[in-house]
Structures are given as structure tokens and as C-alpha cells.
Amino acid sequence: MPILKEGELDFISTSAEQTQRLGARLGALIRPGDVICLSGEMGAGKTVFAGGMGAGWGADGVMASPTYTIVHEHRRAADSNRLAHLDCYRLSGTADIDSIGFDDLLESGAALLIEWPEKIEDALPAERLWVRLRAVSDVHRSIHFTPVGERYVQMLALFRQSVTGA
């Protein structure tokens, strides 16, 4: 029996810098309308990974966690694409998503990067890339990727190739 389901991917990052570089590789593959879910406990490395994703995508500024504002929207200088970075930690569930305009964000065509997605899981699109981060030690992070939908299977295959060369 395989350890991972087909299409899933696991990495162990040995530093915050490596976690950020992995995020940058994934961020370079983001297209309008993509939904990337970053799951994990506090201190697991979600914000570091998200910062790398923003850099790889070409965000117009540093991607800090929007814990108190809940949503930060970023643009790229190269085009008019948008990346909405959501932190759902302070939401009590899907009942709160109207207050942040979640449906409007989904319909806008912006790519969505969602921290604490389990808080609003019932409202998420069926197809998405789920990235689960876990602290293994003070510096090591386990990063597990689960694609749901053909777009994300393809994205993860490109990501694997960019990271491993295979």
C-alpha cells in the first residue's frame, strides 16, 4: 500500500528560508481563480510559506498574515491579476464569510490563498490545492500537498518538477 495517495506530495523543509523558497516555486504557478488552502497549527509555517508564494507570484508587496483585517489583496505590476490572501483564524465558521465578501472574491477571478481554511471548509470550492504544514522541530516543517481537481493535479506535477527536476 503506498504511503501517499496518487498525486499527493510531501516535503520536509529544513529552514524557514527553504519553506519560503518552496512557497515561491508554488506561487510562480498560480493562475487567476486558483484556490490554495494553507492548513496547520500556529507556528507551522503558513505565513512563511504564503510569503514565498506571494514573492513567486509577483505580489506588489510583502505578504504578511492578514490576521486582524482577514483579507489582504495584492496586485502584480506585470498585469492586472490579483491575489487575495485570507486568514480565517478569527472567523467562527461559514456564517462569517459574508462579512468578508467571500463569494465576491470567488467570483472576481482573483486567486485565493487561504490560511485556516478548515474554518470555512463548507464554503470552499470543491476543487482546490490543500497544503498542510506541520512543525516537526524548531526548524523542520512537514509540508503535505493534496490536489483536488485536475487543475491542481497538473499544478502539483509542475511544482514537483520545478523542485525536484523529476
C-alpha atoms as a PDB file:
ATOM      1  CA  MET A   1       0.000   0.000   0.000  1.00  0.00           C
ATOM      2  CA  PRO A   2       1.505   3.408  -0.974  1.00  0.00           C
ATOM      3  CA  ILE A   3       2.119   5.929   1.763  1.00  0.00           C
ATOM      4  CA  LEU A   4       0.621   8.788  -0.252  1.00  0.00           C
ATOM      5  CA  LYS A   5      -2.409   8.801  -2.492  1.00  0.00           C
ATOM      6  CA  GLU A   6      -1.610   9.291  -6.143  1.00  0.00           C
ATOM      7  CA  GLY A   7      -0.905  12.925  -6.920  1.00  0.00           C
ATOM      8  CA  GLU A   8      -0.076  13.876  -3.315  1.00  0.00           C
ATOM      9  CA  LEU A   9       3.338  15.191  -2.406  1.00  0.00           C
ATOM     10  CA  ASP A  10       5.332  15.500   0.837  1.00  0.00           C
ATOM     11  CA  PHE A  11       8.390  17.601   1.668  1.00  0.00           C
ATOM     12  CA  ILE A  12      10.416  18.199   4.794  1.00  0.00           C
ATOM     13  CA  SER A  13      11.739  21.738   4.907  1.00  0.00           C
ATOM     14  CA  THR A  14      14.869  22.244   6.977  1.00  0.00           C
ATOM     15  CA  SER A  15      14.612  26.019   7.425  1.00  0.00           C
ATOM     16  CA  ALA A  16      12.288  28.996   7.141  1.00  0.00           C
ATOM     17  CA  GLU A  17      14.235  30.041   4.034  1.00  0.00           C
ATOM     18  CA  GLN A  18      13.594  26.676   2.391  1.00  0.00           C
ATOM     19  CA  THR A  19       9.894  26.853   3.325  1.00  0.00           C
ATOM     20  CA  GLN A  20       9.761  30.285   1.706  1.00  0.00           C
ATOM     21  CA  ARG A  21      11.559  29.041  -1.431  1.00  0.00           C
ATOM     22  CA  LEU A  22       9.095  26.141  -1.762  1.00  0.00           C
ATOM     23  CA  GLY A  23       6.264  28.656  -1.462  1.00  0.00           C
ATOM     24  CA  ALA A  24       7.873  30.794  -4.184  1.00  0.00           C
ATOM     25  CA  ARG A  25       8.039  27.802  -6.546  1.00  0.00           C
ATOM     26  CA  LEU A  26       4.337  27.135  -5.991  1.00  0.00           C
ATOM     27  CA  GLY A  27       3.466  30.832  -6.216  1.00  0.00           C
ATOM     28  CA  ALA A  28       5.010  31.035  -9.690  1.00  0.00           C
ATOM     29  CA  LEU A  29       2.363  28.548 -10.861  1.00  0.00           C
ATOM     30  CA  ILE A  30      -0.709  30.396  -9.540  1.00  0.00           C
ATOM     31  CA  ARG A  31      -3.309  31.421 -12.107  1.00  0.00           C
ATOM     32  CA  PRO A  32      -6.421  33.584 -11.751  1.00  0.00           C
ATOM     33  CA  GLY A  33      -9.184  31.741  -9.927  1.00  0.00           C
ATOM     34  CA  ASP A  34      -6.888  29.259  -8.168  1.00  0.00           C
ATOM     35  CA  VAL A  35      -7.711  28.372  -4.562  1.00  0.00           C
ATOM     36  CA  ILE A  36      -4.784  27.388  -2.338  1.00  0.00           C
ATOM     37  CA  CYS A  37      -5.584  26.343   1.237  1.00  0.00           C
ATOM     38  CA  LEU A  38      -2.835  26.551   3.884  1.00  0.00           C
ATOM     39  CA  SER A  39      -3.644  24.470   6.929  1.00  0.00           C
ATOM     40  CA  GLY A  40      -1.679  23.897  10.133  1.00  0.00           C
ATOM     41  CA  GLU A  41      -1.362  24.905  13.748  1.00  0.00           C
ATOM     42  CA  MET A  42       0.058  28.266  14.832  1.00  0.00           C
ATOM     43  CA  GLY A  43       3.776  28.318  14.187  1.00  0.00           C
ATOM     44  CA  ALA A  44       3.582  25.634  11.494  1.00  0.00           C
ATOM     45  CA  GLY A  45       4.961  27.982   8.823  1.00  0.00           C
ATOM     46  CA  LYS A  46       1.814  29.010   6.941  1.00  0.00           C
ATOM     47  CA  THR A  47       2.706  32.693   6.815  1.00  0.00           C
ATOM     48  CA  VAL A  48       6.312  31.976   5.783  1.00  0.00           C
ATOM     49  CA  PHE A  49       5.066  29.695   3.006  1.00  0.00           C
ATOM     50  CA  ALA A  50       2.453  32.306   1.981  1.00  0.00           C
ATOM     51  CA  GLY A  51       5.138  34.995   1.843  1.00  0.00           C
ATOM     52  CA  GLY A  52       7.131  32.826  -0.530  1.00  0.00           C
ATOM     53  CA  MET A  53       4.042  32.219  -2.636  1.00  0.00           C
ATOM     54  CA  GLY A  54       3.427  35.947  -2.902  1.00  0.00           C
ATOM     55  CA  ALA A  55       7.022  36.565  -3.961  1.00  0.00           C
ATOM     56  CA  GLY A  56       6.887  33.768  -6.550  1.00  0.00           C
ATOM     57  CA  TRP A  57       3.575  35.051  -7.886  1.00  0.00           C
ATOM     58  CA  GLY A  58       4.957  38.589  -8.146  1.00  0.00           C
ATOM     59  CA  ALA A  59       2.953  40.359  -5.416  1.00  0.00           C
ATOM     60  CA  ASP A  60       3.401  44.096  -5.184  1.00  0.00           C
ATOM     61  CA  GLY A  61       4.462  43.917  -1.527  1.00  0.00           C
ATOM     62  CA  VAL A  62       5.363  41.631   1.324  1.00  0.00           C
ATOM     63  CA  MET A  63       2.619  39.162   2.192  1.00  0.00           C
ATOM     64  CA  ALA A  64       2.138  39.450   5.931  1.00  0.00           C
ATOM     65  CA  SER A  65      -0.642  37.471   7.559  1.00  0.00           C
ATOM     66  CA  PRO A  66      -3.934  39.402   7.478  1.00  0.00           C
ATOM     67  CA  THR A  67      -4.933  38.095  10.921  1.00  0.00           C
ATOM     68  CA  TYR A  68      -6.826  41.208  12.029  1.00  0.00           C
ATOM     69  CA  THR A  69      -8.012  42.547   8.685  1.00  0.00           C
ATOM     70  CA  ILE A  70      -8.818  38.998   7.487  1.00  0.00           C
ATOM     71  CA  VAL A  71      -8.224  39.833   3.788  1.00  0.00           C
ATOM     72  CA  HIS A  72      -5.282  41.486   2.041  1.00  0.00           C
ATOM     73  CA  GLU A  73      -5.466  41.918  -1.691  1.00  0.00           C
ATOM     74  CA  HIS A  74      -2.262  42.012  -3.731  1.00  0.00           C
ATOM     75  CA  ARG A  75      -1.648  43.005  -7.332  1.00  0.00           C
ATOM     76  CA  ARG A  76       1.159  42.316  -9.770  1.00  0.00           C
ATOM     77  CA  ALA A  77       2.923  45.085 -11.615  1.00  0.00           C
ATOM     78  CA  ALA A  78       3.201  42.835 -14.695  1.00  0.00           C
ATOM     79  CA  ASP A  79      -0.564  42.546 -15.257  1.00  0.00           C
ATOM     80  CA  SER A  80      -3.908  43.195 -13.622  1.00  0.00           C
ATOM     81  CA  ASN A  81      -4.097  39.838 -11.804  1.00  0.00           C
ATOM     82  CA  ARG A  82      -4.997  39.837  -8.132  1.00  0.00           C
ATOM     83  CA  LEU A  83      -4.166  37.522  -5.267  1.00  0.00           C
ATOM     84  CA  ALA A  84      -6.400  37.672  -2.197  1.00  0.00           C
ATOM     85  CA  HIS A  85      -4.702  36.426   0.988  1.00  0.00           C
ATOM     86  CA  LEU A  86      -7.263  35.435   3.626  1.00  0.00           C
ATOM     87  CA  ASP A  87      -6.659  34.497   7.243  1.00  0.00           C
ATOM     88  CA  CYS A  88      -9.795  32.812   8.576  1.00  0.00           C
ATOM     89  CA  TYR A  89      -8.477  32.220  12.110  1.00  0.00           C
ATOM     90  CA  ARG A  90     -10.790  34.829  13.653  1.00  0.00           C
ATOM     91  CA  LEU A  91     -13.879  33.613  11.803  1.00  0.00           C
ATOM     92  CA  SER A  92     -16.272  31.429  13.761  1.00  0.00           C
ATOM     93  CA  GLY A  93     -17.281  29.490  10.659  1.00  0.00           C
ATOM     94  CA  THR A  94     -19.014  29.775   7.328  1.00  0.00           C
ATOM     95  CA  ALA A  95     -21.652  32.077   8.843  1.00  0.00           C
ATOM     96  CA  ASP A  96     -18.975  34.800   8.991  1.00  0.00           C
ATOM     97  CA  ILE A  97     -17.891  34.628   5.352  1.00  0.00           C
ATOM     98  CA  ASP A  98     -20.493  37.117   4.149  1.00  0.00           C
ATOM     99  CA  SER A  99     -18.790  39.760   6.282  1.00  0.00           C
ATOM    100  CA  ILE A 100     -15.574  39.388   4.272  1.00  0.00           C
ATOM    101  CA  GLY A 101     -17.223  39.208   0.855  1.00  0.00           C
ATOM    102  CA  PHE A 102     -16.062  35.649   0.238  1.00  0.00           C
ATOM    103  CA  ASP A 103     -18.496  34.946  -2.609  1.00  0.00           C
ATOM    104  CA  ASP A 104     -17.431  38.174  -4.320  1.00  0.00           C
ATOM    105  CA  LEU A 105     -13.789  37.125  -4.008  1.00  0.00           C
ATOM    106  CA  LEU A 106     -14.557  33.728  -5.555  1.00  0.00           C
ATOM    107  CA  GLU A 107     -16.451  35.335  -8.430  1.00  0.00           C
ATOM    108  CA  SER A 108     -13.855  38.068  -9.013  1.00  0.00           C
ATOM    109  CA  GLY A 109     -11.347  35.777 -10.697  1.00  0.00           C
ATOM    110  CA  ALA A 110      -8.671  36.597  -8.145  1.00  0.00           C
ATOM    111  CA  ALA A 111      -6.511  33.722  -6.960  1.00  0.00           C
ATOM    112  CA  LEU A 112      -7.235  32.936  -3.299  1.00  0.00           C
ATOM    113  CA  LEU A 113      -4.647  31.970  -0.717  1.00  0.00           C
ATOM    114  CA  ILE A 114      -6.472  30.925   2.445  1.00  0.00           C
ATOM    115  CA  GLU A 115      -4.902  30.366   5.874  1.00  0.00           C
ATOM    116  CA  TRP A 116      -7.025  28.404   8.373  1.00  0.00           C
ATOM    117  CA  PRO A 117      -9.307  27.119   5.576  1.00  0.00           C
ATOM    118  CA  GLU A 118     -10.847  24.482   7.845  1.00  0.00           C
ATOM    119  CA  LYS A 119     -12.836  27.330   9.455  1.00  0.00           C
ATOM    120  CA  ILE A 120     -14.754  27.831   6.187  1.00  0.00           C
ATOM    121  CA  GLU A 121     -14.315  24.424   4.574  1.00  0.00           C
ATOM    122  CA  ASP A 122     -18.027  24.030   3.792  1.00  0.00           C
ATOM    123  CA  ALA A 123     -17.906  27.190   1.659  1.00  0.00           C
ATOM    124  CA  LEU A 124     -14.756  26.313  -0.289  1.00  0.00           C
ATOM    125  CA  PRO A 125     -14.926  25.267  -3.924  1.00  0.00           C
ATOM    126  CA  ALA A 126     -14.755  21.504  -4.404  1.00  0.00           C
ATOM    127  CA  GLU A 127     -11.549  21.850  -6.437  1.00  0.00           C
ATOM    128  CA  ARG A 128      -8.524  23.313  -4.662  1.00  0.00           C
ATOM    129  CA  LEU A 129      -4.991  22.639  -3.544  1.00  0.00           C
ATOM    130  CA  TRP A 130      -4.705  21.806   0.134  1.00  0.00           C
ATOM    131  CA  VAL A 131      -1.288  22.412   1.723  1.00  0.00           C
ATOM    132  CA  ARG A 132      -0.907  21.094   5.263  1.00  0.00           C
ATOM    133  CA  LEU A 133       2.097  22.372   7.234  1.00  0.00           C
ATOM    134  CA  ARG A 134       3.276  20.854  10.483  1.00  0.00           C
ATOM    135  CA  ALA A 135       6.186  21.755  12.766  1.00  0.00           C
ATOM    136  CA  VAL A 136       8.420  18.706  13.160  1.00  0.00           C
ATOM    137  CA  SER A 137      11.061  20.562  15.208  1.00  0.00           C
ATOM    138  CA  ASP A 138      12.067  24.157  15.857  1.00  0.00           C
ATOM    139  CA  VAL A 139      13.268  24.490  12.255  1.00  0.00           C
ATOM    140  CA  HIS A 140      11.887  21.490  10.329  1.00  0.00           C
ATOM    141  CA  ARG A 141       8.460  21.623   8.707  1.00  0.00           C
ATOM    142  CA  SER A 142       6.473  18.853   7.083  1.00  0.00           C
ATOM    143  CA  ILE A 143       4.606  20.156   4.046  1.00  0.00           C
ATOM    144  CA  HIS A 144       1.963  17.882   2.539  1.00  0.00           C
ATOM    145  CA  PHE A 145       0.197  18.758  -0.713  1.00  0.00           C
ATOM    146  CA  THR A 146      -3.191  17.305  -1.670  1.00  0.00           C
ATOM    147  CA  PRO A 147      -4.637  18.359  -5.042  1.00  0.00           C
ATOM    148  CA  VAL A 148      -8.397  18.145  -5.556  1.00  0.00           C
ATOM    149  CA  GLY A 149      -9.309  18.537  -9.215  1.00  0.00           C
ATOM    150  CA  GLU A 150      -7.393  18.217 -12.472  1.00  0.00           C
ATOM    151  CA  ARG A 151      -6.077  21.807 -12.408  1.00  0.00           C
ATOM    152  CA  TYR A 152      -4.381  21.146  -9.071  1.00  0.00           C
ATOM    153  CA  VAL A 153      -3.073  17.706 -10.087  1.00  0.00           C
ATOM    154  CA  GLN A 154      -1.357  19.438 -13.030  1.00  0.00           C
ATOM    155  CA  MET A 155      -0.168  22.315 -10.852  1.00  0.00           C
ATOM    156  CA  LEU A 156       1.363  19.907  -8.358  1.00  0.00           C
ATOM    157  CA  ALA A 157       3.079  17.935 -11.136  1.00  0.00           C
ATOM    158  CA  LEU A 158       4.680  21.182 -12.403  1.00  0.00           C
ATOM    159  CA  PHE A 159       5.612  22.095  -8.831  1.00  0.00           C
ATOM    160  CA  ARG A 160       7.252  18.689  -8.265  1.00  0.00           C
ATOM    161  CA  GLN A 161       9.221  19.094 -11.471  1.00  0.00           C
ATOM    162  CA  SER A 162      10.388  22.609 -10.557  1.00  0.00           C
ATOM    163  CA  VAL A 163      11.505  21.486  -7.092  1.00  0.00           C
ATOM    164  CA  THR A 164      12.959  18.041  -7.789  1.00  0.00           C
ATOM    165  CA  GLY A 165      13.714  18.136 -11.510  1.00  0.00           C
ATOM    166  CA  ALA A 166      11.788  14.881 -11.882  1.00  0.00           C
END
